Protein backbone atom coordinates (compact mmCIF):
# COMPACT_ATOMS: atom_id res chain seq x y z
CA MET A 1 3.14 12.99 31.21
CA SER A 2 4.03 10.04 29.03
CA LEU A 3 2.57 8.97 25.69
CA LEU A 4 2.87 5.37 24.53
CA GLY A 5 2.32 4.57 20.88
CA HIS A 6 3.64 3.23 17.61
CA ILE A 7 5.08 5.98 15.44
CA GLY A 8 3.62 5.79 11.96
CA GLY A 9 1.35 7.51 9.49
CA ALA A 10 -1.81 6.81 11.49
CA GLU A 11 -0.22 8.26 14.60
CA ARG A 12 0.19 11.81 13.39
CA LEU A 13 -2.37 12.57 16.10
CA VAL A 14 0.00 11.41 18.85
CA VAL A 15 2.75 13.69 17.60
CA ASP A 16 0.43 16.68 17.23
CA ALA A 17 -1.05 15.94 20.67
CA ALA A 18 2.43 15.99 22.20
CA VAL A 19 3.31 19.28 20.50
CA GLY A 20 -0.01 20.86 21.45
CA LEU A 21 0.26 19.76 25.09
CA GLN A 22 3.83 21.06 25.31
CA LYS A 23 2.57 24.45 24.15
CA LEU A 24 0.09 24.36 27.03
CA GLY A 25 2.99 23.95 29.47
CA HIS A 26 3.06 20.18 29.94
CA THR A 27 6.20 18.06 29.91
CA VAL A 28 5.59 15.27 27.41
CA GLU A 29 7.69 12.23 26.56
CA ILE A 30 6.85 9.58 23.95
CA TYR A 31 7.71 5.90 24.34
CA THR A 32 7.45 3.45 21.46
CA SER A 33 8.65 -0.03 20.55
CA HIS A 34 9.30 0.89 16.91
CA HIS A 35 10.88 4.04 15.53
CA ASP A 36 12.74 4.36 12.25
CA THR A 37 14.73 7.61 12.15
CA ALA A 38 14.92 7.34 8.36
CA HIS A 39 11.12 7.24 8.05
CA CYS A 40 9.55 9.32 10.82
CA PHE A 41 8.05 12.68 11.66
CA ASP A 42 10.61 15.42 12.29
CA GLU A 43 9.17 16.08 15.75
CA THR A 44 9.90 12.51 16.89
CA ARG A 45 13.69 12.48 16.63
CA ASP A 46 14.05 12.35 20.42
CA VAL A 47 11.42 9.75 21.36
CA HIS A 48 12.24 6.86 23.67
CA ASN A 49 12.58 3.84 21.37
CA ILE A 50 12.71 0.63 23.39
CA ASN A 51 13.62 -2.22 21.04
CA PRO A 52 11.82 -5.44 22.03
CA PRO A 53 13.15 -8.98 21.63
CA PHE A 54 10.06 -9.96 19.65
CA PRO A 55 9.70 -9.56 15.86
CA ARG A 56 6.76 -7.67 14.39
CA ASN A 57 5.48 -10.85 12.73
CA ILE A 58 6.37 -14.49 12.13
CA ASN A 59 6.29 -15.27 8.43
CA GLY A 60 3.75 -12.51 7.93
CA LYS A 61 1.45 -13.78 10.71
CA PHE A 62 0.69 -13.20 14.41
CA HIS A 63 0.95 -9.42 14.12
CA ILE A 64 -1.45 -8.66 16.97
CA LEU A 65 -0.06 -11.26 19.39
CA LEU A 66 3.47 -9.99 18.88
CA ALA A 67 2.24 -6.39 19.15
CA HIS A 68 0.83 -7.27 22.59
CA LEU A 69 4.13 -8.82 23.64
CA ARG A 70 6.13 -5.89 22.30
CA GLN A 71 4.00 -3.44 24.27
CA LEU A 72 4.29 -5.55 27.41
CA HIS A 73 8.07 -5.47 27.00
CA LEU A 74 7.93 -1.67 26.68
CA THR A 75 5.72 -1.49 29.77
CA TYR A 76 8.13 -3.70 31.72
CA HIS A 77 10.96 -1.33 30.81
CA LEU A 78 8.92 1.63 32.07
CA LEU A 79 8.05 -0.15 35.32
CA GLN A 80 11.72 -0.92 35.91
CA THR A 81 12.91 2.61 35.15
CA THR A 82 10.88 5.81 34.86
CA ALA A 83 7.22 4.86 35.31
CA SER A 84 6.88 6.79 38.56
CA ASN A 85 8.19 10.02 37.02
CA TYR A 86 4.93 10.80 35.21
CA ASP A 87 1.59 12.06 36.48
CA VAL A 88 -0.57 10.43 33.81
CA TYR A 89 -0.23 8.19 30.75
CA PHE A 90 -1.82 8.70 27.35
CA VAL A 91 -2.09 5.40 25.46
CA ASP A 92 -3.38 4.87 21.92
CA GLN A 93 -4.13 1.88 19.68
CA LEU A 94 -3.14 -1.05 21.94
CA SER A 95 -4.63 -1.17 25.43
CA THR A 96 -2.54 -4.11 26.67
CA CYS A 97 -0.36 -2.03 28.95
CA ILE A 98 -3.17 -0.27 30.80
CA PRO A 99 -3.65 -2.73 33.72
CA ALA A 100 0.10 -2.85 34.40
CA ILE A 101 0.45 0.94 34.43
CA ARG A 102 -2.55 1.37 36.70
CA LEU A 103 -2.00 -1.53 39.08
CA LEU A 104 1.78 -1.68 39.30
CA ALA A 105 2.83 1.92 38.66
CA ARG A 106 -0.45 3.12 40.25
CA LYS A 107 -0.81 5.80 37.57
CA ARG A 108 -3.94 6.97 35.79
CA VAL A 109 -4.38 6.21 32.09
CA VAL A 110 -6.23 8.02 29.32
CA PHE A 111 -6.83 5.72 26.34
CA TYR A 112 -7.45 7.06 22.83
CA CYS A 113 -9.36 4.69 20.56
CA HIS A 114 -8.76 5.14 16.82
CA PHE A 115 -10.97 2.10 16.08
CA PRO A 116 -11.45 -1.28 17.80
CA ASP A 117 -8.73 -3.65 16.63
CA LYS A 118 -11.16 -6.59 16.74
CA LEU A 119 -13.09 -4.99 13.88
CA LEU A 120 -10.01 -4.13 11.85
CA ALA A 121 -8.66 -7.67 12.13
CA ASN A 122 -11.79 -9.80 11.90
CA GLY A 123 -13.12 -8.42 8.65
CA GLU A 124 -14.08 -5.41 6.60
CA PHE A 125 -16.28 -3.23 8.77
CA VAL A 126 -19.38 -1.82 7.16
CA GLU A 127 -21.63 0.34 9.29
CA GLY A 128 -24.17 -1.88 10.97
CA LYS A 129 -22.65 -5.20 9.91
CA MET A 130 -19.42 -7.14 9.66
CA LYS A 131 -18.04 -9.07 6.72
CA LYS A 132 -16.21 -11.94 8.38
CA ARG A 133 -13.01 -13.29 6.90
CA GLY A 134 -10.47 -15.89 7.92
CA GLY A 135 -10.82 -19.55 8.77
CA LEU A 136 -11.61 -21.32 12.00
CA LEU A 137 -8.01 -21.27 13.22
CA LYS A 138 -7.71 -17.51 12.77
CA ARG A 139 -10.98 -16.92 14.58
CA ALA A 140 -9.81 -19.14 17.43
CA TYR A 141 -6.55 -17.21 17.55
CA ARG A 142 -8.39 -13.88 17.59
CA LEU A 143 -10.82 -14.90 20.35
CA PRO A 144 -8.45 -14.31 23.31
CA MET A 145 -6.95 -11.30 21.54
CA ASP A 146 -10.37 -9.66 21.22
CA TRP A 147 -11.25 -10.52 24.81
CA LEU A 148 -7.94 -9.08 25.99
CA GLU A 149 -8.58 -5.87 24.07
CA GLU A 150 -11.96 -5.40 25.72
CA ILE A 151 -10.96 -6.08 29.31
CA THR A 152 -7.79 -3.99 29.17
CA THR A 153 -9.57 -1.08 27.49
CA ARG A 154 -12.24 -1.27 30.19
CA ASN A 155 -9.51 -0.66 32.77
CA ALA A 156 -8.68 2.83 31.44
CA ASP A 157 -9.65 5.75 33.64
CA ILE A 158 -10.83 7.87 30.73
CA ILE A 159 -11.59 6.65 27.19
CA LEU A 160 -11.48 8.95 24.17
CA ALA A 161 -12.40 8.32 20.53
CA ASN A 162 -11.49 10.11 17.31
CA SER A 163 -15.10 10.57 16.12
CA SER A 164 -18.71 10.04 17.09
CA PHE A 165 -18.73 7.27 14.48
CA THR A 166 -15.92 5.42 16.27
CA ALA A 167 -17.50 6.07 19.68
CA GLY A 168 -20.77 4.51 18.49
CA VAL A 169 -19.01 1.47 17.05
CA PHE A 170 -16.99 1.15 20.28
CA LYS A 171 -20.17 1.17 22.37
CA ALA A 172 -21.84 -1.46 20.16
CA TYR A 173 -18.93 -3.91 19.99
CA PHE A 174 -17.55 -3.64 23.54
CA PRO A 175 -20.71 -4.56 25.49
CA SER A 176 -18.95 -4.97 28.84
CA ILE A 177 -17.75 -1.36 28.79
CA HIS A 178 -20.63 0.75 30.04
CA ARG A 179 -19.06 4.08 29.12
CA THR A 180 -19.35 5.94 25.86
CA PRO A 181 -15.97 7.37 24.85
CA ARG A 182 -15.62 11.12 24.77
CA VAL A 183 -14.99 12.44 21.29
CA VAL A 184 -11.76 14.32 20.66
CA HIS A 185 -11.39 14.90 16.95
CA PRO A 186 -7.84 14.82 15.60
CA GLY A 187 -6.42 18.27 15.09
CA ILE A 188 -3.99 19.56 12.51
CA ASN A 189 -1.25 22.15 12.57
CA LEU A 190 -2.83 24.75 10.30
CA LEU A 191 0.53 26.41 9.65
CA SER A 192 1.71 23.22 7.92
CA TYR A 193 -0.78 23.78 5.11
CA GLU A 194 0.03 27.35 4.21
CA PRO A 195 0.92 27.80 0.53
CA PRO A 196 4.64 27.29 -0.15
CA SER A 197 6.49 30.59 -0.55
CA GLY A 198 7.94 29.69 -3.94
CA HIS A 199 8.31 26.99 -6.56
CA GLN A 200 12.07 26.54 -6.24
CA ASP A 201 11.57 23.25 -4.44
CA PRO A 202 12.11 20.48 -7.04
CA ASP A 203 9.52 18.31 -5.31
CA ILE A 204 6.86 20.98 -5.89
CA ALA A 205 7.88 21.49 -9.51
CA THR A 206 7.16 17.85 -10.34
CA VAL A 207 3.48 18.10 -9.29
CA SER A 208 2.64 21.71 -10.21
CA SER A 209 0.39 22.46 -13.19
CA ASP A 210 -2.04 25.10 -14.38
CA ARG A 211 -4.44 22.39 -15.55
CA PRO A 212 -7.69 22.01 -13.52
CA THR A 213 -6.75 19.39 -10.93
CA PHE A 214 -8.73 16.92 -8.87
CA LEU A 215 -6.79 15.44 -6.01
CA SER A 216 -6.85 12.11 -4.15
CA LEU A 217 -4.56 11.64 -1.14
CA ASN A 218 -4.57 8.19 0.45
CA ARG A 219 -2.28 5.29 1.14
CA TYR A 220 -2.06 2.80 -1.70
CA GLU A 221 -4.33 0.26 -0.01
CA LYS A 222 -7.37 -1.60 -1.29
CA LYS A 223 -9.63 -0.41 1.53
CA LYS A 224 -9.06 3.22 0.53
CA ASN A 225 -11.12 2.57 -2.63
CA ILE A 226 -9.04 4.95 -4.77
CA GLY A 227 -10.53 3.31 -7.86
CA LEU A 228 -13.72 5.29 -7.16
CA ALA A 229 -11.81 8.51 -7.92
CA ILE A 230 -10.55 7.10 -11.22
CA ASP A 231 -14.00 5.86 -12.25
CA ALA A 232 -15.65 9.18 -11.35
CA PHE A 233 -12.95 11.15 -13.17
CA ALA A 234 -13.37 8.97 -16.27
CA LEU A 235 -17.12 9.66 -16.26
CA LEU A 236 -16.45 13.37 -15.77
CA LYS A 237 -14.23 13.37 -18.86
CA GLN A 238 -17.09 11.82 -20.83
CA ILE A 239 -19.60 14.37 -19.49
CA LEU A 240 -17.31 17.23 -20.49
CA THR A 241 -17.57 16.16 -24.14
CA ARG A 242 -21.31 16.92 -24.17
CA PRO A 243 -22.35 20.22 -25.82
CA GLN A 244 -24.02 21.62 -22.69
CA HIS A 245 -20.75 21.30 -20.74
CA GLU A 246 -18.39 22.48 -23.44
CA GLY A 247 -15.75 24.79 -21.99
CA LEU A 248 -16.59 23.95 -18.36
CA LEU A 249 -13.15 22.42 -17.73
CA ARG A 250 -10.35 22.28 -20.25
CA ASN A 251 -7.94 19.35 -20.04
CA PRO A 252 -8.47 18.41 -16.38
CA ARG A 253 -6.20 15.96 -14.58
CA LEU A 254 -6.43 13.66 -11.57
CA VAL A 255 -3.51 13.51 -9.13
CA VAL A 256 -3.39 10.39 -6.97
CA GLY A 257 -0.86 10.70 -4.16
CA GLY A 258 -0.23 8.46 -1.21
CA GLY A 259 2.09 6.48 0.98
CA TYR A 260 3.81 3.75 -0.99
CA ASP A 261 6.36 1.18 0.13
CA PRO A 262 7.63 -1.22 -2.57
CA ARG A 263 8.29 -3.78 0.17
CA VAL A 264 4.57 -3.93 1.01
CA GLU A 265 2.77 -6.24 -1.39
CA GLU A 266 -0.60 -4.54 -0.89
CA ASN A 267 0.85 -1.19 -1.96
CA MET A 268 2.23 -2.70 -5.15
CA MET A 269 -0.92 -4.64 -5.99
CA THR A 270 -3.12 -1.60 -5.34
CA LEU A 271 -1.03 0.51 -7.72
CA VAL A 272 -1.26 -2.20 -10.38
CA SER A 273 -5.05 -2.43 -10.01
CA LEU A 274 -5.40 1.36 -10.28
CA ILE A 275 -3.31 1.41 -13.45
CA ASP A 276 -5.47 -1.38 -14.90
CA ARG A 277 -8.53 0.72 -14.04
CA ALA A 278 -7.08 3.74 -15.82
CA LYS A 279 -6.26 1.67 -18.90
CA ALA A 280 -9.79 0.23 -18.96
CA ALA A 281 -11.16 3.79 -19.00
CA SER A 282 -8.69 4.84 -21.74
CA LEU A 283 -7.03 7.32 -19.41
CA SER A 284 -3.33 8.09 -19.88
CA TYR A 285 -1.11 8.16 -16.81
CA THR A 286 2.39 8.58 -15.49
CA ILE A 287 4.10 7.72 -12.22
CA ILE A 288 6.52 9.88 -10.27
CA THR A 289 8.29 9.90 -6.94
CA PRO A 290 9.70 12.96 -5.19
CA PRO A 291 13.23 13.76 -6.41
CA SER A 292 14.33 13.41 -2.78
CA SER A 293 12.95 9.86 -2.64
CA ASN A 294 14.86 6.65 -3.36
CA ILE A 295 11.74 4.68 -4.35
CA THR A 296 12.12 2.86 -7.65
CA ILE A 297 9.26 3.48 -10.08
CA PRO A 298 7.75 0.21 -11.37
CA PRO A 299 8.23 -0.36 -15.12
CA PHE A 300 4.89 0.62 -16.65
CA ASN A 301 4.11 2.00 -20.09
CA THR A 302 3.48 5.61 -19.03
CA THR A 303 2.62 8.84 -20.83
CA THR A 304 4.92 11.66 -19.80
CA LEU A 305 3.25 14.56 -21.66
CA ASN A 306 0.01 15.87 -20.09
CA PRO A 307 -1.29 12.54 -18.72
CA ASP A 308 -4.87 12.28 -17.49
CA ILE A 309 -3.68 10.80 -14.18
CA LEU A 310 -0.53 11.55 -12.21
CA PHE A 311 0.36 8.87 -9.65
CA VAL A 312 2.65 10.26 -6.94
CA LEU A 313 4.30 7.61 -4.79
CA SER A 314 4.97 8.75 -1.21
CA PHE A 315 4.48 12.48 -1.69
CA THR A 316 6.34 14.93 0.54
CA SER A 317 4.84 17.45 2.95
CA THR A 318 5.69 20.29 0.59
CA GLN A 319 4.03 18.50 -2.32
CA ARG A 320 0.92 17.94 -0.22
CA ALA A 321 0.73 21.60 0.81
CA ALA A 322 1.38 22.76 -2.77
CA LEU A 323 -1.33 20.54 -4.23
CA LEU A 324 -3.92 21.38 -1.56
CA SER A 325 -3.35 25.12 -1.84
CA ALA A 326 -2.83 25.44 -5.61
CA ALA A 327 -5.29 27.75 -7.40
CA SER A 328 -5.68 25.09 -10.09
CA THR A 329 -6.86 22.40 -7.64
CA ARG A 330 -10.65 22.23 -7.78
CA ALA A 331 -11.50 19.56 -5.22
CA LEU A 332 -10.24 16.76 -3.00
CA LEU A 333 -11.76 13.33 -3.69
CA TYR A 334 -11.75 11.36 -0.44
CA THR A 335 -12.79 7.85 -1.36
CA PRO A 336 -12.75 5.58 1.75
CA ALA A 337 -16.14 4.49 3.08
CA ASN A 338 -16.77 4.06 6.82
CA GLU A 339 -13.53 5.90 7.58
CA HIS A 340 -12.95 6.14 11.32
CA PHE A 341 -12.29 9.88 11.10
CA GLY A 342 -10.25 10.90 8.07
CA ILE A 343 -7.82 13.77 8.54
CA VAL A 344 -7.30 14.50 4.82
CA PRO A 345 -10.69 16.25 4.35
CA VAL A 346 -9.80 18.54 7.27
CA GLU A 347 -6.43 19.28 5.66
CA ALA A 348 -8.20 20.18 2.44
CA MET A 349 -10.74 22.41 4.21
CA SER A 350 -7.94 24.23 6.02
CA CYS A 351 -6.67 25.19 2.55
CA GLY A 352 -10.13 26.34 1.43
CA LEU A 353 -10.53 23.37 -0.90
CA ALA A 354 -13.89 21.75 -1.68
CA VAL A 355 -14.13 18.11 -0.56
CA LEU A 356 -16.08 15.23 -2.08
CA ALA A 357 -16.30 12.27 0.30
CA CYS A 358 -18.38 9.19 1.07
CA ASN A 359 -21.49 9.74 3.16
CA SER A 360 -20.40 7.45 6.00
CA GLY A 361 -18.01 7.42 8.92
CA GLY A 362 -15.91 10.35 10.11
CA PRO A 363 -16.28 12.65 7.08
CA THR A 364 -19.96 13.11 7.95
CA GLU A 365 -18.72 14.92 11.09
CA SER A 366 -16.02 17.05 9.51
CA ILE A 367 -17.79 18.05 6.26
CA VAL A 368 -20.97 20.13 6.03
CA ASP A 369 -23.04 19.21 2.96
CA ASP A 370 -26.43 20.60 3.83
CA PRO A 371 -27.77 23.24 3.68
CA PRO A 372 -25.91 24.46 0.57
CA SER A 373 -25.55 27.92 2.10
CA GLN A 374 -23.28 26.41 4.80
CA ARG A 375 -21.62 23.78 2.62
CA THR A 376 -17.91 22.96 2.94
CA GLY A 377 -18.08 19.86 0.75
CA TRP A 378 -20.19 17.12 -0.79
CA LEU A 379 -21.13 13.81 0.85
CA ARG A 380 -22.23 11.13 -1.61
CA ALA A 381 -22.69 7.37 -1.70
CA PRO A 382 -19.62 5.59 -3.15
CA ASP A 383 -21.01 5.48 -6.66
CA ALA A 384 -19.00 6.73 -9.65
CA ALA A 385 -21.99 8.28 -11.43
CA GLY A 386 -23.04 10.22 -8.34
CA TRP A 387 -19.48 11.39 -7.78
CA ALA A 388 -19.12 12.49 -11.40
CA ALA A 389 -22.31 14.54 -11.05
CA ALA A 390 -20.89 16.16 -7.90
CA LEU A 391 -17.66 16.98 -9.75
CA VAL A 392 -19.69 18.72 -12.46
CA GLU A 393 -21.45 20.70 -9.73
CA ILE A 394 -18.10 21.69 -8.20
CA ALA A 395 -16.70 22.69 -11.59
CA SER A 396 -19.80 24.81 -12.24
CA LEU A 397 -19.37 26.99 -9.13
CA SER A 398 -18.94 30.68 -9.87
CA PRO A 399 -15.83 32.46 -8.55
CA SER A 400 -17.88 34.07 -5.77
CA GLU A 401 -19.43 30.73 -4.78
CA THR A 402 -16.00 29.10 -4.76
CA SER A 403 -14.61 31.90 -2.60
CA ALA A 404 -17.49 31.71 -0.13
CA LEU A 405 -17.17 27.92 0.19
CA ALA A 406 -13.41 28.26 0.71
CA GLU A 407 -13.91 30.73 3.56
CA ARG A 408 -16.50 28.48 5.24
CA ALA A 409 -14.16 25.50 4.94
CA ARG A 410 -11.20 27.37 6.44
CA THR A 411 -13.33 28.63 9.32
CA ARG A 412 -14.66 25.15 10.12
CA ALA A 413 -11.20 23.60 9.99
CA ARG A 414 -9.76 26.29 12.25
CA ASP A 415 -12.58 26.38 14.81
CA HIS A 416 -13.24 22.65 15.13
CA PHE A 417 -10.15 20.77 13.99
CA GLY A 418 -7.13 22.93 14.75
CA MET A 419 -4.35 21.48 16.86
CA GLU A 420 -5.15 23.97 19.61
CA ALA A 421 -8.76 22.75 19.88
CA MET A 422 -7.59 19.14 20.13
CA ALA A 423 -4.88 19.97 22.68
CA LEU A 424 -7.36 21.77 24.94
CA LYS A 425 -9.72 18.78 24.98
CA LEU A 426 -6.84 16.39 25.67
CA ASP A 427 -5.57 18.71 28.39
CA GLN A 428 -8.97 18.59 30.08
CA ALA A 429 -9.04 14.77 30.03
CA LEU A 430 -5.44 14.37 31.21
CA VAL A 431 -5.76 16.91 34.03
CA GLU A 432 -8.98 15.20 35.13
CA ALA A 433 -7.27 11.79 35.14
CA ALA A 434 -4.24 13.06 37.04
CA GLY A 435 -6.59 14.68 39.56
CA MET A 436 -7.99 11.26 40.44
CA GLY A 437 -4.80 10.55 42.38
CA LYS A 438 -2.94 7.30 42.61
CA VAL A 439 -4.72 4.04 41.84
CA ALA A 440 -5.56 2.80 45.32
CA THR A 441 -6.15 -0.93 44.94
CA PRO A 442 -3.41 -3.13 43.43
CA ALA A 443 -5.67 -5.97 42.27
CA PHE A 444 -2.92 -8.53 41.68
CA LEU A 445 -5.34 -11.37 41.14
CA TRP A 446 -6.97 -9.46 38.27
CA PHE A 447 -3.58 -8.67 36.79
CA GLY A 448 -2.60 -12.33 37.17
CA SER A 449 -5.52 -13.36 34.98
CA PHE A 450 -4.38 -10.80 32.45
CA ILE A 451 -0.90 -12.37 32.35
CA LEU A 452 -2.42 -15.85 32.00
CA VAL A 453 -4.40 -14.75 28.95
CA THR A 454 -1.27 -13.33 27.37
CA LEU A 455 0.67 -16.52 28.03
CA PHE A 456 -2.17 -18.59 26.65
CA ALA A 457 -2.15 -16.56 23.44
CA TYR A 458 1.61 -16.99 23.20
CA PHE A 459 1.20 -20.75 23.64
CA MET A 460 -1.33 -20.76 20.78
CA ALA A 461 1.18 -19.02 18.53
CA ILE A 462 3.78 -21.68 19.30
CA VAL A 463 1.28 -24.41 18.48
CA TYR A 464 0.28 -22.82 15.18
CA THR A 465 3.85 -22.32 14.05
CA SER A 466 5.07 -25.77 15.04
């Protein structure tokens, strides 16, 4: 079995899928066109990294075109070497390679859709509508790319999706594909979220506190809407000054942790905007990085003693586990709207932590809000006042109510979103695909049209850059 993908933060699923399938007795190998050993998951040290001759972008543009070409180069390498060694291929994100694997290697392919790329690239997706962005040239450039995505995805033997939300969007925006993807929710390794055995780790010491803590874990990106957490926390602080809520929470703090790369402009600009938001709400803050990190902290006027907000840039796995499992952590604030699935709420539930999330996208499948007797979290519209009210409700839970909610959350995470549950569903799909036998008809004319589209897109890139 072979898995093709790009190793990165969004592809934790691919790594966990490989580990889970290996435990079920399968031989799994991962192929990728980009792998940085200095910034990767520990389990991926031995992946097959095939370096392509194409850059990842040209002056910050043509990402998707070059991604297609990079995957085609990887596929060519497989076809020339080891393609026939595998029974079935598991492909995620880009579907470009599917026709070549099926028609030239004559192997079956299972494709896992995180979210249609045409929707990620063409604008900000809001359930039921699309906010278009980009000029005429970009839309012309995207036209063959979007068409290519649809026809190559259609060629997969089995199509999976990470949530019912994504499957519904897939069905609506790929009209020529008359199949609804099967839903296989991402799973997590529950053992990775067990409380750390001690506080000797210097990374843990930098984030630990007995103060009541609200937690936000997301990449520093605009679409993650982390500002909602800051606004809701600011309103909560105001509510706590009222006589009827006196003593409810003493000196709470908000910890904002997430992936941060100083080389990525969006990460830097998002951090700046969040700091501006904190200042506007008269909230003190400080910024830290793990002691093991070499990230330089931007020069801001921070407050080191008991700040209202702690910004953690690129937190470690041990910091994540410590924060999620700490007795002082009261809730996870998961701020993205229309999230395709969202693994962080599941991570929080596995630690018995209450979750507050937007009432759209994947979290509506992972979190139970109603009835209250079965609740594992709160689903609310992305409105600061509504979120602040939910935080007051969470803070007002009695110890017995908190304990009962924690047990329900752990049970739901284990039964529905454990790595074992995901691996079993993937195993079923992969065994079914392999059981279909070799692809019988090498439709070279169809594949020729596929190559022509790719060459046409490449020609467009040359024209635009000339």
